[in-house]
Protein backbone atom coordinates (compact mmCIF):
# COMPACT_ATOMS: atom_id res chain seq x y z
CA MET A 1 5.68 -17.66 -12.03
CA ARG A 2 7.26 -14.82 -12.70
CA LYS A 3 10.61 -13.94 -12.47
CA TYR A 4 11.14 -10.37 -11.48
CA PHE A 5 7.99 -9.30 -10.43
CA GLY A 6 6.09 -9.58 -6.95
CA THR A 7 3.04 -8.75 -5.86
CA ASP A 8 3.24 -5.01 -5.15
CA GLY A 9 6.24 -4.51 -8.38
CA ILE A 10 10.04 -5.37 -8.41
CA ARG A 11 11.29 -5.38 -4.68
CA GLY A 12 14.48 -7.10 -3.14
CA ARG A 13 17.92 -5.41 -1.52
CA ALA A 14 19.20 -2.82 -2.60
CA ASN A 15 22.44 -3.57 -4.71
CA GLY A 16 20.97 -6.91 -4.24
CA VAL A 17 18.35 -7.62 -6.10
CA ILE A 18 17.44 -4.09 -6.75
CA THR A 19 20.80 -3.10 -8.48
CA PRO A 20 21.56 0.31 -10.92
CA GLU A 21 21.92 -2.06 -13.95
CA LEU A 22 18.19 -3.92 -13.36
CA ALA A 23 17.34 -0.58 -12.88
CA LEU A 24 17.79 0.81 -16.14
CA LYS A 25 16.78 -2.26 -17.97
CA VAL A 26 13.28 -1.77 -16.44
CA GLY A 27 13.69 1.59 -17.84
CA GLN A 28 14.37 0.67 -20.94
CA ALA A 29 12.20 -2.38 -21.61
CA ALA A 30 8.79 -0.62 -19.64
CA GLY A 31 9.89 2.36 -21.98
CA LEU A 32 9.78 0.11 -25.36
CA LEU A 33 6.62 -1.12 -24.33
CA PHE A 34 4.20 2.57 -23.71
CA ARG A 35 5.87 4.18 -26.53
CA ARG A 36 3.13 5.08 -28.22
CA GLY A 37 1.88 7.24 -30.52
CA HIS A 38 3.87 10.24 -32.81
CA HIS A 39 4.09 12.53 -29.39
CA ARG A 40 7.13 13.11 -27.18
CA ASN A 41 6.69 10.14 -24.55
CA ARG A 42 7.04 11.05 -20.92
CA VAL A 43 7.08 9.36 -17.37
CA VAL A 44 6.76 10.70 -14.87
CA ILE A 45 9.07 8.99 -11.20
CA GLY A 46 8.44 8.94 -7.60
CA LYS A 47 10.55 7.85 -5.12
CA ASP A 48 10.66 7.83 -0.91
CA THR A 49 13.49 9.38 0.91
CA ARG A 50 15.29 5.92 1.26
CA LEU A 51 19.22 6.54 0.58
CA SER A 52 19.17 3.70 -2.62
CA GLY A 53 16.41 6.27 -4.33
CA TYR A 54 18.86 8.38 -5.70
CA MET A 55 21.05 5.54 -6.90
CA ILE A 56 17.61 2.93 -9.18
CA GLU A 57 16.28 6.94 -9.66
CA THR A 58 19.34 8.22 -11.79
CA ALA A 59 19.34 4.54 -13.50
CA MET A 60 15.81 4.13 -14.68
CA VAL A 61 16.18 7.99 -16.09
CA ALA A 62 18.97 6.87 -18.03
CA GLY A 63 17.32 3.65 -18.58
CA PHE A 64 14.10 6.01 -19.78
CA THR A 65 16.00 8.71 -22.14
CA SER A 66 18.02 6.09 -24.06
CA VAL A 67 14.67 4.29 -25.92
CA GLY A 68 13.70 7.84 -26.13
CA MET A 69 10.99 8.57 -23.37
CA ASP A 70 11.54 12.19 -21.59
CA VAL A 71 11.33 12.14 -18.14
CA LEU A 72 9.41 14.28 -14.64
CA LEU A 73 11.10 13.81 -11.93
CA LEU A 74 9.49 14.31 -8.72
CA GLY A 75 11.63 13.60 -5.77
CA PRO A 76 9.58 12.28 -2.39
CA MET A 77 6.16 11.54 -2.67
CA PRO A 78 3.76 9.34 -2.27
CA THR A 79 2.78 6.23 -4.18
CA PRO A 80 -1.06 7.74 -4.77
CA ALA A 81 0.64 10.62 -5.41
CA VAL A 82 2.35 9.49 -8.29
CA ALA A 83 -0.21 7.86 -9.98
CA MET A 84 -2.89 10.16 -9.33
CA LEU A 85 0.19 12.88 -10.94
CA THR A 86 1.00 10.26 -13.47
CA ARG A 87 -2.77 10.87 -14.80
CA SER A 88 -3.31 14.89 -14.31
CA MET A 89 0.35 15.50 -15.68
CA ARG A 90 -0.70 13.24 -19.19
CA ALA A 91 1.86 10.83 -18.69
CA ASP A 92 2.37 7.78 -21.09
CA MET A 93 3.86 6.24 -17.42
CA GLY A 94 4.87 6.83 -13.95
CA VAL A 95 7.03 5.12 -11.62
CA MET A 96 7.51 4.70 -7.91
CA ILE A 97 10.81 4.07 -6.40
CA SER A 98 10.23 2.12 -2.95
CA ALA A 99 10.07 -1.00 -0.55
CA SER A 100 6.97 0.67 0.82
CA HIS A 101 6.83 -0.21 4.97
CA ASN A 102 10.40 -2.40 4.39
CA ALA A 103 13.73 -1.49 5.91
CA TYR A 104 15.97 1.24 4.01
CA GLU A 105 17.52 -1.64 2.93
CA ASP A 106 15.63 -2.26 0.75
CA ASN A 107 14.01 -0.38 -2.40
CA GLY A 108 11.75 -1.54 -5.53
CA ILE A 109 10.08 -0.34 -8.45
CA LYS A 110 6.66 -0.17 -9.01
CA ILE A 111 5.45 1.23 -12.42
CA PHE A 112 1.91 2.44 -13.24
CA GLY A 113 -0.04 2.89 -16.31
CA PRO A 114 -0.88 5.99 -17.88
CA ASP A 115 -4.34 5.92 -16.69
CA GLY A 116 -2.64 5.74 -12.86
CA PHE A 117 -3.58 2.07 -12.19
CA LYS A 118 -0.94 -0.27 -10.99
CA LEU A 119 -0.21 -3.44 -14.48
CA SER A 120 -2.22 -6.25 -15.13
CA ASP A 121 0.34 -9.64 -14.28
CA ASP A 122 0.41 -9.93 -18.59
CA VAL A 123 2.15 -6.31 -18.68
CA GLU A 124 4.06 -7.20 -16.06
CA ARG A 125 4.99 -10.13 -17.71
CA SER A 126 5.55 -7.93 -21.38
CA ILE A 127 8.39 -5.91 -19.30
CA GLU A 128 9.92 -9.35 -18.12
CA GLU A 129 9.96 -10.77 -21.86
CA LEU A 130 11.95 -7.10 -22.66
CA LEU A 131 13.76 -7.11 -19.60
CA ASP A 132 15.51 -10.93 -21.42
CA SER A 133 15.69 -10.06 -24.49
CA ASP A 134 18.70 -7.78 -26.47
CA LEU A 135 17.79 -4.21 -25.95
CA ALA A 136 20.95 -2.73 -26.45
CA ARG A 137 19.35 -3.51 -30.59
CA ARG A 138 16.12 -1.38 -29.55
CA LEU A 139 17.97 1.96 -28.23
CA ALA A 140 17.29 5.44 -29.69
CA GLY A 141 19.21 7.30 -31.87
CA SER A 142 21.45 9.70 -31.27
CA LYS A 143 18.18 12.28 -32.39
CA ASP A 144 16.17 11.03 -30.08
CA LEU A 145 17.37 10.77 -27.05
CA GLY A 146 14.85 11.73 -23.77
CA ARG A 147 15.31 14.60 -22.05
CA ALA A 148 15.05 15.12 -17.93
CA LYS A 149 13.78 17.46 -15.90
CA ARG A 150 13.12 18.22 -12.07
CA ILE A 151 8.96 19.50 -11.11
CA GLU A 152 8.52 21.53 -8.46
CA SER A 153 5.45 22.18 -7.88
CA VAL A 154 3.50 19.01 -7.65
CA HIS A 155 3.47 18.80 -3.32
CA ALA A 156 0.99 22.05 -3.78
CA ARG A 157 -0.67 20.08 -6.60
CA TYR A 158 -0.87 16.82 -4.33
CA ILE A 159 -1.94 18.50 -1.47
CA GLU A 160 -5.53 20.74 -2.77
CA PHE A 161 -6.30 17.40 -4.56
CA ALA A 162 -5.91 15.70 -0.72
CA LYS A 163 -8.15 18.14 0.59
CA ARG A 164 -10.81 18.56 -2.29
CA THR A 165 -11.81 14.80 -0.78
CA LEU A 166 -12.72 15.88 1.76
CA PRO A 167 -16.85 16.78 1.63
CA ARG A 168 -17.73 20.21 1.79
CA ARG A 169 -18.58 22.68 4.97
CA ILE A 170 -16.18 20.02 6.47
CA ASP A 171 -12.73 20.84 8.23
CA LEU A 172 -10.69 19.80 11.29
CA GLU A 173 -10.78 23.30 12.71
CA GLY A 174 -10.94 21.99 16.87
CA MET A 175 -8.69 18.50 15.90
CA ARG A 176 -5.62 17.60 17.51
CA VAL A 177 -3.58 15.14 15.47
CA VAL A 178 -0.60 13.76 15.37
CA VAL A 179 0.54 12.34 12.55
CA ASP A 180 3.71 9.29 11.98
CA CYS A 181 4.74 10.05 8.45
CA ALA A 182 7.23 6.59 9.14
CA ASN A 183 10.14 8.99 8.02
CA GLY A 184 9.35 8.29 3.98
CA ALA A 185 7.77 10.01 0.88
CA ALA A 186 4.69 12.09 2.58
CA TYR A 187 7.31 13.96 5.43
CA LYS A 188 6.17 17.07 3.82
CA VAL A 189 2.88 16.76 2.25
CA ALA A 190 0.25 14.93 5.16
CA PRO A 191 1.48 16.97 7.83
CA GLU A 192 0.55 20.29 5.23
CA THR A 193 -2.31 18.73 3.94
CA LEU A 194 -3.45 18.14 7.39
CA TRP A 195 -2.65 21.56 8.85
CA GLU A 196 -4.16 23.75 5.86
CA LEU A 197 -7.48 21.84 6.84
CA GLY A 198 -7.85 23.38 10.25
CA ALA A 199 -6.09 20.71 12.17
CA GLU A 200 -3.59 20.49 15.01
CA VAL A 201 -1.07 19.48 13.79
CA VAL A 202 1.86 17.66 15.77
CA ALA A 203 3.79 15.72 13.58
CA ILE A 204 6.50 13.23 13.89
CA GLY A 205 8.47 10.82 11.62
CA VAL A 206 9.36 13.16 9.33
CA GLU A 207 13.15 14.19 9.41
CA PRO A 208 14.50 11.11 7.41
CA ASP A 209 18.09 10.84 6.62
CA GLY A 210 17.85 7.60 3.77
CA PHE A 211 18.11 4.97 6.93
CA ASN A 212 15.54 5.78 9.45
CA ILE A 213 12.63 4.94 6.95
CA ASN A 214 10.26 3.05 9.05
CA ARG A 215 12.41 2.55 12.04
CA ASP A 216 10.86 2.59 15.10
CA VAL A 217 7.36 5.15 13.56
CA GLY A 218 4.99 4.30 10.65
CA SER A 219 2.25 2.55 10.80
CA THR A 220 4.16 -1.42 11.00
CA SER A 221 5.00 0.27 14.34
CA PRO A 222 2.83 2.43 15.87
CA ASP A 223 4.02 2.39 19.39
CA ALA A 224 5.82 6.01 18.83
CA LEU A 225 2.47 7.22 18.06
CA VAL A 226 0.31 5.77 20.66
CA ARG A 227 2.68 7.23 23.27
CA LYS A 228 2.97 11.04 21.45
CA VAL A 229 -1.30 10.68 20.98
CA ARG A 230 -1.67 9.79 25.01
CA GLU A 231 1.30 12.02 26.32
CA LEU A 232 -0.71 15.19 24.26
CA ARG A 233 -3.97 14.13 24.63
CA ALA A 234 -4.50 14.10 21.12
CA ASP A 235 -8.08 13.49 19.14
CA VAL A 236 -6.23 11.10 16.94
CA GLY A 237 -3.11 9.78 15.67
CA ILE A 238 -2.53 8.90 11.84
CA ALA A 239 0.25 6.46 10.89
CA LEU A 240 1.37 6.34 7.30
CA ASP A 241 4.14 3.43 6.19
CA GLY A 242 7.00 4.80 4.53
CA ASP A 243 5.65 5.15 0.48
CA ALA A 244 1.73 6.54 1.92
CA ASP A 245 -0.24 3.63 0.34
CA ARG A 246 -1.25 2.52 3.84
CA VAL A 247 -1.97 3.59 7.40
CA LEU A 248 -2.97 2.94 10.30
CA ILE A 249 -5.68 4.66 13.26
CA VAL A 250 -5.15 5.16 16.67
CA ASP A 251 -7.80 6.71 19.21
CA GLU A 252 -8.11 8.99 21.38
CA LYS A 253 -7.04 5.96 24.07
CA GLY A 254 -4.13 5.33 22.46
CA THR A 255 -6.02 2.07 20.38
CA PRO A 256 -4.60 0.99 17.19
CA VAL A 257 -7.70 0.18 14.27
CA ASP A 258 -7.05 -0.93 11.29
CA GLY A 259 -8.05 -1.53 7.86
CA ASP A 260 -11.26 -3.99 8.80
CA GLN A 261 -12.28 -1.18 11.22
CA LEU A 262 -11.69 2.00 8.60
CA MET A 263 -13.43 0.24 6.25
CA ALA A 264 -16.35 -0.61 8.17
CA VAL A 265 -16.67 3.03 8.96
CA VAL A 266 -15.94 4.05 5.27
CA ALA A 267 -18.99 1.52 4.04
CA LYS A 268 -21.13 2.82 6.70
CA SER A 269 -21.13 6.45 5.69
CA TRP A 270 -20.98 5.64 2.44
CA ARG A 271 -24.12 3.54 2.33
CA ASP A 272 -26.31 6.15 4.66
CA ALA A 273 -25.20 8.60 1.94
CA GLY A 274 -26.23 6.46 -1.03
CA ARG A 275 -22.29 6.91 -2.03
CA LEU A 276 -21.39 3.27 -2.26
CA SER A 277 -21.34 2.20 -6.02
CA GLN A 278 -22.29 -1.71 -5.53
CA PRO A 279 -23.97 -3.03 -1.79
CA GLY A 280 -20.73 -4.19 -0.39
CA VAL A 281 -16.63 -4.11 -0.14
CA VAL A 282 -13.59 -5.38 -1.24
CA ALA A 283 -11.33 -7.01 0.49
CA THR A 284 -8.53 -9.87 1.01
CA ILE A 285 -8.93 -13.68 2.76
CA MET A 286 -6.90 -11.41 5.17
CA SER A 287 -9.57 -9.31 6.77
CA ASN A 288 -11.53 -10.32 9.77
CA LEU A 289 -14.59 -12.24 9.72
CA GLY A 290 -15.93 -9.74 12.21
CA LEU A 291 -16.28 -6.92 9.45
CA GLU A 292 -17.95 -9.62 6.99
CA ARG A 293 -20.49 -10.38 10.14
CA TYR A 294 -20.62 -6.44 10.41
CA LEU A 295 -20.83 -6.13 6.29
CA GLY A 296 -23.60 -8.65 6.77
CA GLY A 297 -25.81 -6.70 9.09
CA LEU A 298 -25.53 -3.61 7.23
CA GLY A 299 -27.29 -5.47 4.38
CA LEU A 300 -23.58 -5.63 2.45
CA ASP A 301 -21.75 -8.00 1.29
CA LEU A 302 -18.09 -8.97 1.35
CA VAL A 303 -15.93 -10.03 -1.59
CA ARG A 304 -12.55 -11.46 -0.87
CA THR A 305 -9.73 -11.27 -3.13
CA ALA A 306 -5.65 -12.33 -2.92
CA VAL A 307 -3.28 -10.37 -0.78
CA GLY A 308 -2.42 -6.82 -2.67
CA ASP A 309 -3.86 -4.14 -3.57
CA ARG A 310 -3.99 -4.26 -6.81
CA TYR A 311 -6.04 -7.53 -6.05
CA VAL A 312 -8.38 -5.57 -4.68
CA LEU A 313 -8.57 -2.73 -7.23
CA GLU A 314 -8.60 -5.36 -10.13
CA HIS A 315 -12.06 -7.10 -8.85
CA MET A 316 -13.38 -3.47 -8.04
CA ARG A 317 -13.00 -2.21 -11.37
CA GLU A 318 -14.21 -5.63 -13.22
CA HIS A 319 -17.69 -5.43 -10.55
CA GLY A 320 -18.28 -1.92 -9.60
CA PHE A 321 -16.97 -1.39 -6.51
CA ASN A 322 -16.20 2.17 -4.98
CA LEU A 323 -14.30 1.46 -2.12
CA GLY A 324 -11.90 -1.98 -1.13
CA GLY A 325 -8.40 -2.56 0.77
CA GLU A 326 -6.74 -4.60 3.17
CA GLN A 327 -6.65 -4.96 6.91
CA SER A 328 -3.20 -3.78 7.16
CA GLY A 329 -4.69 -0.24 5.82
CA HIS A 330 -4.61 -0.21 2.06
CA ILE A 331 -8.09 1.35 1.09
CA ILE A 332 -9.04 2.28 -2.17
CA LEU A 333 -11.66 5.02 -2.68
CA SER A 334 -12.24 4.50 -6.26
CA ASP A 335 -13.84 7.34 -6.69
CA TYR A 336 -10.27 10.08 -5.79
CA THR A 337 -7.58 7.50 -6.81
CA THR A 338 -6.34 4.35 -8.73
CA THR A 339 -5.02 2.86 -5.35
CA GLY A 340 -4.42 3.05 -1.89
CA ASP A 341 -4.34 6.28 -0.32
CA GLY A 342 -3.18 6.38 3.53
CA LEU A 343 -4.06 9.56 3.71
CA LEU A 344 -7.34 9.94 2.27
CA ALA A 345 -8.44 6.89 3.48
CA ALA A 346 -7.63 8.87 7.14
CA LEU A 347 -9.54 12.36 5.61
CA GLN A 348 -12.83 10.44 5.55
CA LEU A 349 -12.61 9.07 8.17
CA LEU A 350 -12.06 12.71 10.44
CA ALA A 351 -14.39 13.60 8.19
CA VAL A 352 -17.79 10.73 9.88
CA VAL A 353 -15.14 11.74 13.53
CA LYS A 354 -16.27 16.05 12.81
CA GLN A 355 -20.04 15.11 11.32
CA SER A 356 -21.07 12.48 14.24
CA GLY A 357 -19.43 14.72 16.93
CA LYS A 358 -18.11 11.69 18.71
CA PRO A 359 -14.32 10.45 19.98
CA VAL A 360 -12.38 8.22 17.40
CA SER A 361 -12.71 5.32 19.75
CA GLU A 362 -16.09 5.09 19.32
CA VAL A 363 -16.47 5.94 15.99
CA CYS A 364 -14.34 3.34 14.81
CA HIS A 365 -15.55 0.57 16.86
CA CYS A 366 -18.25 -1.05 14.59
CA PHE A 367 -17.50 -4.54 15.43
CA GLU A 368 -15.47 -7.11 17.43
CA PRO A 369 -13.26 -8.51 15.16
CA LEU A 370 -13.04 -12.63 15.73
CA PRO A 371 -9.54 -13.73 17.76
CA GLN A 372 -7.01 -13.93 14.86
CA ILE A 373 -3.36 -14.94 15.06
CA LEU A 374 -0.39 -14.42 12.07
CA LYS A 375 3.14 -15.55 12.30
CA ASN A 376 5.16 -15.35 9.75
CA VAL A 377 7.92 -18.44 8.75
CA ARG A 378 10.95 -16.81 6.91
CA TYR A 379 13.50 -18.85 4.77
CA ARG A 380 16.78 -19.30 2.61
CA SER A 381 15.27 -21.38 0.23
CA GLY A 382 13.15 -24.09 -1.31
CA GLN A 383 9.26 -24.65 -1.23
CA PRO A 384 8.05 -25.55 2.46
CA LEU A 385 4.87 -25.47 2.04
CA GLN A 386 5.38 -28.55 -0.35
CA ASN A 387 6.78 -30.74 2.55
CA GLU A 388 5.27 -33.77 3.14
CA GLY A 389 5.13 -33.37 6.85
CA VAL A 390 3.70 -29.90 6.20
CA VAL A 391 1.30 -30.89 4.21
CA THR A 392 -0.38 -32.72 6.57
CA VAL A 393 -0.25 -30.57 9.74
CA ILE A 394 -2.38 -28.00 7.82
CA GLU A 395 -4.70 -30.72 6.40
CA ALA A 396 -5.23 -31.57 10.20
CA ALA A 397 -5.42 -28.06 11.60
CA ARG A 398 -7.60 -27.22 8.77
CA GLU A 399 -10.02 -29.98 9.74
CA ARG A 400 -9.22 -29.17 13.03
CA LEU A 401 -11.04 -25.66 13.08
CA GLY A 402 -13.85 -26.79 10.54
CA ASN A 403 -16.92 -24.55 9.95
CA ALA A 404 -15.50 -22.35 12.81
CA GLY A 405 -12.96 -20.55 11.53
CA ARG A 406 -10.19 -19.63 8.84
CA LEU A 407 -6.77 -20.96 7.95
CA VAL A 408 -4.59 -19.42 5.32
CA ILE A 409 -1.31 -19.89 4.58
CA ARG A 410 0.14 -18.18 2.03
CA PRO A 411 3.74 -17.18 0.89
CA SER A 412 4.67 -13.19 0.55
CA GLY A 413 4.86 -11.65 -2.49
CA THR A 414 7.68 -9.11 -1.06
CA GLU A 415 9.63 -11.00 0.61
CA PRO A 416 10.74 -14.85 1.91
CA VAL A 417 8.67 -15.56 3.95
CA ILE A 418 5.54 -17.90 4.56
CA ARG A 419 2.63 -16.29 6.64
CA VAL A 420 0.09 -18.06 8.68
CA MET A 421 -3.26 -16.55 10.10
CA ALA A 422 -6.10 -18.45 11.09
CA GLU A 423 -9.00 -17.03 13.17
CA GLY A 424 -12.21 -18.46 14.76
CA ASP A 425 -14.59 -18.41 17.32
CA ASP A 426 -12.23 -20.32 19.80
CA ARG A 427 -9.13 -18.29 20.24
CA ASP A 428 -7.57 -21.42 21.74
CA LEU A 429 -7.72 -23.13 19.09
CA VAL A 430 -6.82 -20.49 17.29
CA THR A 431 -3.65 -20.03 18.68
CA GLU A 432 -2.95 -24.12 18.25
CA VAL A 433 -3.50 -24.71 14.81
CA VAL A 434 -1.31 -21.21 14.31
CA ASN A 435 1.80 -22.93 16.24
CA ASP A 436 1.34 -26.34 15.02
CA VAL A 437 1.61 -24.67 10.96
CA VAL A 438 4.80 -22.04 11.89
CA GLU A 439 6.61 -25.61 13.66
CA ALA A 440 6.17 -27.50 11.11
CA LEU A 441 6.92 -25.23 9.07
CA THR A 442 10.12 -23.65 10.44
CA LYS A 443 10.97 -27.48 10.99
CA ALA A 444 10.54 -27.68 7.11
CA ALA A 445 12.63 -24.41 6.22
CA ALA A 446 15.45 -25.07 8.66
C-alpha cells in the first residue's frame, strides 16, 4: 500500500489532500531523487486550467528550487505534451498538475522520469519515503538554489509534433470537426492543430475560468458535443478531458464512440499497414469482450492488465507492443508518445476516415459490444469489499455469470469509489448481477 500515490499520481481535494505544504515537499522529495550527474538539473512543469493550479505550481517551484533544481514552467499544456517536452527539452523529470477528468475542486500531481514515462511503483515508494523524512536537512546551499523561468514556445512545439504523427500526404481538408476541450489543458493546442491540418474547426469548451474544467463538457460529459455535431452536421466530434490524455469520439450521427472501438480501428489499420510491433493490443480488464472477439477475428490478441494506463504501458514496454489503451479513451501509441494522448488518437482515426472515404459511424462500428453495466458506489471510510455479506453476494454473482460473462469489482485509485462492472450475452442477467452487488456494497458503506 502507498500512502500518497494512487493509480495516476497524487490526487485529491485542493487545500484538502493537495495542500501547498504537500506540493512543496513533493517537489523537494522528487527533486532530491532525480538530481543526478554534475549538470544543472531541471524539471518541466505543466498544468491544466484549475484555479488551484497556481497555488500548487508555486509551491512546487519552491520545493524544486530549494533542493537545487531549475524549473521550466510550461503553463496550461496537455499531459502528453508535458511527457514529450520532458524528453525533448532534456529535463531530468517532468510534472503535470492536474486531476484529469475530475471537477475543479480536485487537483493532482503526475510525475514523469527523464524518458517521459510515468514512474514505476518502486520509484513512487522512494519518493514517499523521502516525503516522510527530514527534508530540511537536505536542502541546497544558498549558492546552489535553483532558478525558474517560463517557456513561451511550447505550444507550437507540441502542435508540430502532433501534426507529424499523421501519415504523409494526409490532411483534413474538407472535414468539419467539432472539438470539445473540456475548458482544460488543450483549449489552445487542439483546435489549432486541427485547423493547421486543414479541417473546418468548431471549438467548444475553450473558455476556462478556473472553475469550469470538465463542467458539462469534455469526454466525461459528451452531451454538449453531441448537440453541436448534430446542429452543425459535422463529420466528427472530438471530446478531450481536462488534461487531454483521453478522448471520446462522436460520429456524424451524434453517437458516442468509446476507446474500445477506437482501439479496434487503429489495430486493424496498423495491422493492414504492417505497423503493429506485436500481433495484439494491450487493454485493461474493463475493455469489452466484443473487442477481444473482434481482434481474435483479425488474428490479434487482446492482453488485459489492471485498470490504469500506466499498467497498460508497463506491459507494452515489457513485451514490445506499440498499441494499447483503455475503454475510457486513454489510447497509447508508443511509436509517438509515452502516455495516453487524446489528440493523437483522434488524428489516427481521422486518417483512417480520410483514407477510406467512409463516414465515422461506419469506420468506428467494428463490433457489437456485449451488454456491459458499470455502476459506482461511493463510500466514506472503511473497507466495504471485506464485508462478509458483500463477499457472499459477489461469490453468488460470479456463479450466476459462469463462463458466459465477466464480473469486475475494483476500488478506484483516484477517489473513494468502488466500481462494479459486469458483461455478458444476457443483458438482464448482467443487470441483475450488478444491482445485487451494488445493493450489498451500499448497505456495507452506509
